[in-house]
Protein backbone atom coordinates (compact mmCIF):
# COMPACT_ATOMS: atom_id res chain seq x y z
CA MET A 1 12.61 -5.51 -11.33
CA PRO A 2 14.32 -2.93 -9.72
CA THR A 3 17.87 -3.66 -7.49
CA THR A 4 16.67 -1.70 -4.61
CA PRO A 5 12.38 -1.48 -4.38
CA ILE A 6 10.60 0.99 -2.42
CA VAL A 7 9.03 -1.32 0.38
CA VAL A 8 5.39 -0.22 1.91
CA ARG A 9 3.24 -2.18 4.42
CA ARG A 10 5.26 -4.96 4.46
CA LYS A 11 3.78 -8.23 5.70
CA LYS A 12 6.31 -11.12 6.78
CA THR A 13 4.42 -13.88 8.35
CA PRO A 14 5.23 -14.80 12.11
CA GLU A 15 3.44 -17.87 13.91
CA ILE A 16 1.33 -14.74 15.99
CA ILE A 17 -0.38 -11.36 15.11
CA VAL A 18 -1.90 -9.45 17.35
CA GLU A 19 -4.91 -8.51 16.31
CA LYS A 20 -5.62 -6.16 12.70
CA THR A 21 -6.89 -2.75 13.02
CA GLU A 22 -7.35 -2.06 9.74
CA LYS A 23 -10.19 0.15 8.60
CA ILE A 24 -11.89 -1.31 5.33
CA LEU A 25 -12.37 2.06 3.20
CA HIS A 26 -15.29 1.78 0.20
CA ILE A 27 -15.28 4.65 -2.94
CA ASN A 28 -18.27 5.49 -5.04
CA PRO A 29 -16.55 6.18 -8.18
CA LYS A 30 -18.83 8.59 -8.87
CA LYS A 31 -19.24 10.32 -5.92
CA PRO A 32 -15.60 13.00 -5.42
CA ILE A 33 -13.61 12.38 -2.41
CA PRO A 34 -14.39 15.93 -0.97
CA VAL A 35 -10.64 18.33 -1.94
CA VAL A 36 -10.29 21.51 -0.30
CA SER A 37 -8.11 24.10 -0.83
CA GLU A 38 -4.77 23.15 -1.57
CA PRO A 39 -2.82 23.87 2.04
CA GLN A 40 0.69 25.92 1.55
CA ASP A 41 3.89 24.97 2.00
CA LYS A 42 6.10 25.25 5.19
CA PRO A 43 7.80 28.20 5.80
CA GLU A 44 11.42 26.31 5.67
CA ASN A 45 12.54 22.73 6.05
CA PRO A 46 14.07 22.52 8.96
CA LYS A 47 17.09 19.26 7.29
CA GLY A 48 17.62 22.17 5.02
CA PRO A 49 16.82 22.99 1.29
CA ALA A 50 16.70 19.58 -1.01
CA PRO A 51 19.44 18.84 -3.25
CA VAL A 52 18.93 19.90 -6.97
CA ASP A 53 18.98 16.88 -8.76
CA LYS A 54 15.99 15.25 -6.85
CA VAL A 55 14.24 18.42 -7.15
CA SER A 56 15.31 18.34 -11.43
CA GLN A 57 14.20 14.61 -11.46
CA HIS A 58 10.83 15.04 -9.32
CA LEU A 59 10.20 17.63 -12.09
CA ASP A 60 10.94 15.45 -14.70
CA TYR A 61 8.41 12.89 -13.24
CA LEU A 62 5.79 15.78 -13.03
CA LYS A 63 6.36 16.95 -16.66
CA ASP A 64 6.77 13.11 -17.94
CA ILE A 65 2.88 13.13 -16.13
CA GLU A 66 1.50 16.01 -17.20
CA SER A 67 2.52 14.77 -21.20
CA LEU A 68 0.45 11.66 -20.82
CA PRO A 69 -3.56 11.84 -22.20
CA SER A 70 -6.61 11.37 -19.74
CA PRO A 71 -7.70 9.60 -17.88
CA ASP A 72 -4.15 7.93 -18.14
CA ARG A 73 -2.66 11.47 -16.54
CA GLU A 74 -4.78 11.08 -13.67
CA ILE A 75 -4.39 7.32 -12.88
CA ALA A 76 -0.60 7.72 -13.29
CA GLY A 77 -0.09 10.73 -11.43
CA ALA A 78 -2.78 8.85 -8.84
CA CYS A 79 -0.02 5.93 -8.16
CA PHE A 80 3.03 8.76 -8.48
CA TYR A 81 2.24 10.15 -5.13
CA LEU A 82 1.41 6.48 -3.66
CA CYS A 83 4.66 6.39 -3.69
CA TYR A 84 5.37 9.01 -1.79
CA LEU A 85 3.88 6.99 0.94
CA ILE A 86 5.80 3.92 0.05
CA ASN A 87 8.96 5.62 0.50
CA GLU A 88 8.51 6.80 3.88
CA ASN A 89 5.74 3.72 5.19
CA ARG A 90 3.68 6.40 5.82
CA ASN A 91 0.83 4.40 7.82
CA SER A 92 -0.78 7.16 9.30
CA THR A 93 -4.83 6.88 9.78
CA THR A 94 -5.04 10.25 7.97
CA LEU A 95 -3.15 9.12 4.82
CA PHE A 96 -3.03 5.73 3.73
CA PRO A 97 -6.70 5.03 3.46
CA LEU A 98 -6.06 6.75 0.74
CA LYS A 99 -3.70 4.22 -0.76
CA ASP A 100 -6.80 1.47 -0.97
CA GLY A 101 -9.24 4.39 -2.28
CA VAL A 102 -6.79 5.33 -5.01
CA LEU A 103 -6.40 1.24 -6.25
CA GLU A 104 -10.27 0.93 -5.78
CA LYS A 105 -11.16 3.43 -7.51
CA ILE A 106 -8.99 2.63 -10.31
CA TYR A 107 -10.69 -0.94 -10.35
CA LYS A 108 -13.74 -0.18 -10.28
CA GLY A 109 -13.57 2.52 -12.95
CA GLY A 110 -12.65 -0.25 -15.06
CA TYR A 111 -9.40 0.71 -16.54
CA LYS A 112 -7.78 -1.60 -18.70
CA CYS A 113 -4.12 -0.52 -17.30
CA LEU A 114 -5.16 -2.93 -14.53
CA MET A 115 -4.56 -6.73 -13.76
CA VAL A 116 -4.50 -7.96 -10.35
CA SER A 117 -3.73 -11.15 -9.05
CA TYR A 118 -4.65 -13.24 -6.12
CA VAL A 119 -1.03 -13.75 -3.22
CA LYS A 120 -1.65 -15.92 -1.18
CA ARG A 121 0.80 -15.56 1.88
CA GLY A 122 -0.21 -18.36 4.68
CA ASP A 123 -2.41 -18.58 7.60
CA ARG A 124 -2.24 -17.16 11.34
CA LEU A 125 -1.80 -19.70 13.75
CA THR A 126 -3.14 -18.63 17.13
CA TYR A 127 -1.35 -20.86 19.62
CA GLN A 128 -3.37 -21.39 23.17
CA LEU A 129 -1.70 -22.68 25.90
CA PRO A 130 -3.12 -24.83 29.13
CA LYS A 131 -2.69 -22.30 32.67
CA GLU A 132 1.00 -23.96 33.60
CA ALA A 133 2.91 -22.85 29.82
CA LYS A 134 1.12 -20.21 29.51
CA GLU A 135 2.51 -18.29 33.28
CA LYS A 136 5.68 -19.53 31.94
CA TRP A 137 5.37 -17.43 28.78
CA GLU A 138 3.87 -14.26 30.41
CA SER A 139 6.57 -14.63 33.31
CA GLU A 140 9.42 -14.92 31.07
CA THR A 141 8.77 -12.79 28.38
CA GLY A 142 6.59 -10.20 29.04
CA GLY A 143 3.71 -11.87 26.83
CA LYS A 144 5.47 -11.34 23.96
CA VAL A 145 3.54 -12.72 21.44
CA GLY A 146 5.80 -13.98 18.42
CA MET A 147 7.32 -16.64 21.67
CA THR A 148 4.77 -18.51 22.33
CA ILE A 149 4.98 -21.04 19.74
CA LEU A 150 8.40 -21.31 22.28
CA TYR A 151 5.85 -22.87 24.92
CA ARG A 152 4.05 -24.86 22.93
CA THR A 153 3.37 -28.22 24.70
CA PRO A 154 1.37 -31.45 23.69
CA ASP A 155 -1.80 -29.69 25.30
CA SER A 156 -2.22 -26.52 23.85
CA PHE A 157 -4.57 -25.86 20.61
CA VAL A 158 -3.69 -24.08 17.46
CA GLN A 159 -5.93 -22.78 16.40
CA THR A 160 -5.65 -21.55 12.33
CA GLU A 161 -7.38 -18.71 10.31
CA ARG A 162 -6.88 -20.13 6.31
CA GLY A 163 -5.57 -16.89 3.55
CA TYR A 164 -5.37 -14.39 7.24
CA TYR A 165 -1.93 -13.58 5.06
CA ASP A 166 -3.14 -13.24 1.70
CA LEU A 167 -3.53 -10.36 -0.84
CA TYR A 168 -4.22 -8.73 -4.31
CA GLN A 169 -2.08 -7.23 -5.89
CA PHE A 170 -2.56 -4.20 -7.78
CA HIS A 171 -0.39 -3.88 -11.46
CA ILE A 172 -0.55 -0.72 -13.22
CA VAL A 173 0.67 0.26 -16.79
CA VAL A 174 0.77 3.74 -17.92
CA GLU A 175 3.11 3.58 -20.46
CA PRO A 176 6.00 5.22 -19.66
CA PHE A 177 5.16 4.18 -15.78
CA ARG A 178 4.47 0.54 -13.92
CA PHE A 179 3.42 0.64 -10.66
CA LEU A 180 2.55 -2.52 -8.11
CA PHE A 181 0.81 -1.77 -4.75
CA TYR A 182 -0.56 -4.52 -2.38
CA ILE A 183 -3.67 -4.83 -0.61
CA PRO A 184 -5.12 -7.35 2.46
CA VAL A 185 -7.46 -9.08 0.95
CA GLU A 186 -10.20 -8.87 3.62
CA THR A 187 -9.64 -5.05 3.34
CA ALA A 188 -11.43 -5.28 -0.72
CA PRO A 189 -14.29 -7.15 -0.49
CA TRP A 190 -15.17 -4.70 -3.32
CA VAL A 191 -12.56 -7.48 -5.62
CA THR A 192 -14.78 -10.28 -7.28
CA ASN A 193 -13.64 -13.23 -9.10
CA ASP A 194 -14.01 -12.98 -12.15
CA ARG A 195 -11.30 -9.76 -12.51
CA ILE A 196 -8.44 -11.66 -10.65
CA LEU A 197 -5.82 -13.05 -13.12
CA ARG A 198 -4.56 -17.19 -12.89
CA PRO A 199 -2.45 -18.41 -11.95
CA THR A 200 -2.26 -17.80 -7.57
CA LEU A 201 0.47 -16.35 -7.47
CA TYR A 202 2.78 -17.30 -3.84
CA ALA A 203 4.78 -15.12 -1.72
CA SER A 204 6.30 -14.88 1.56
CA TYR A 205 6.79 -11.15 0.87
CA THR A 206 6.03 -8.12 -0.81
CA ASN A 207 7.74 -5.42 -2.58
CA GLU A 208 5.99 -2.07 -3.78
CA TYR A 209 7.22 0.35 -6.52
CA GLY A 210 7.27 2.05 -9.65
CA LEU A 211 9.41 2.05 -12.28
CA LEU A 212 9.65 4.77 -15.11
CA ARG A 213 11.06 3.82 -18.52
CA GLY A 214 12.79 0.89 -16.31
CA LYS A 215 14.08 3.01 -13.44
CA SER A 216 12.65 2.43 -10.23
CA ILE A 217 11.20 5.83 -9.23
CA LYS A 218 12.74 7.28 -6.72
CA ILE A 219 11.38 10.31 -4.84
CA SER A 220 10.85 11.55 -1.11
CA ARG A 221 9.66 14.91 0.57
CA LYS A 222 13.56 16.21 0.32
CA SER A 223 12.63 16.70 -3.39
CA THR A 224 9.58 19.15 -2.86
CA ASN A 225 9.21 19.23 1.27
CA THR A 226 5.64 17.86 0.89
CA THR A 227 3.40 17.63 4.06
CA ASP A 228 0.94 14.99 4.73
CA GLU A 229 -2.13 17.92 3.70
CA GLN A 230 -0.30 18.93 0.95
CA LEU A 231 -0.07 15.00 -0.25
CA GLY A 232 -3.62 13.79 0.73
CA TYR A 233 -4.74 17.09 -0.99
CA LYS A 234 -2.66 15.63 -4.28
CA ILE A 235 -3.93 12.45 -4.30
CA LYS A 236 -7.45 13.53 -3.84
CA LYS A 237 -7.42 15.74 -6.74
CA PHE A 238 -6.33 13.21 -8.97
CA LEU A 239 -8.80 11.06 -8.15
CA ASN A 240 -11.56 13.43 -8.27
CA SER A 241 -10.54 13.71 -12.21
CA LEU A 242 -11.06 10.17 -12.77
CA ILE A 243 -13.81 9.92 -15.06
CA PRO A 244 -14.88 5.71 -14.89
CA GLU A 245 -14.10 4.36 -18.84
CA SER A 246 -17.50 3.06 -20.27
């Protein structure tokens, strides 16, 4: 376990959470994802040039990826660029669904490098307050849902949604690379019970990261000045190169 893991989409377990609006993305492993021509580099970096050591490290990562045989090369490449999303918390609607798309493509391809585990993280509790308590909660907190529990009374109704925060853990190993990703169970209906490892895991929080020979993969836009369009292009390019194992 790295000492400074890269974290993305960390889902702590509060008593209340707002309605989720995540879009379920289904990928046909036999149908290529449309890829347009590669976007051009930015004319300049407003934050200044990248440090030489970061650029050199990035190029070394790419050399390790290119040295792998297919399909390990394509899998490691797609997961490597997902680390950009992880390192920078890229939650945009155009980029983040690519993470689920990569994991679904690898899963449906039947690659032996993937292990899937079920991670239990708790239930969602929704508090329905009596009229007087609700009015007090709204006037004093401005309707902050995280504080609803503090206005609960013996007459309050508590609704429990079992497994609301549960996740699937995707552990991918293509030597010398290792990756760990998570996605919500409800956004991955394509995962079947026969592919889930035992035992069930339990975690109050999760970290996502990549390792190369035991060292944490540390990457950022600083090393390449990569735009959102370029990042999406690179991930889709690797995805379209993947051929399902027989």
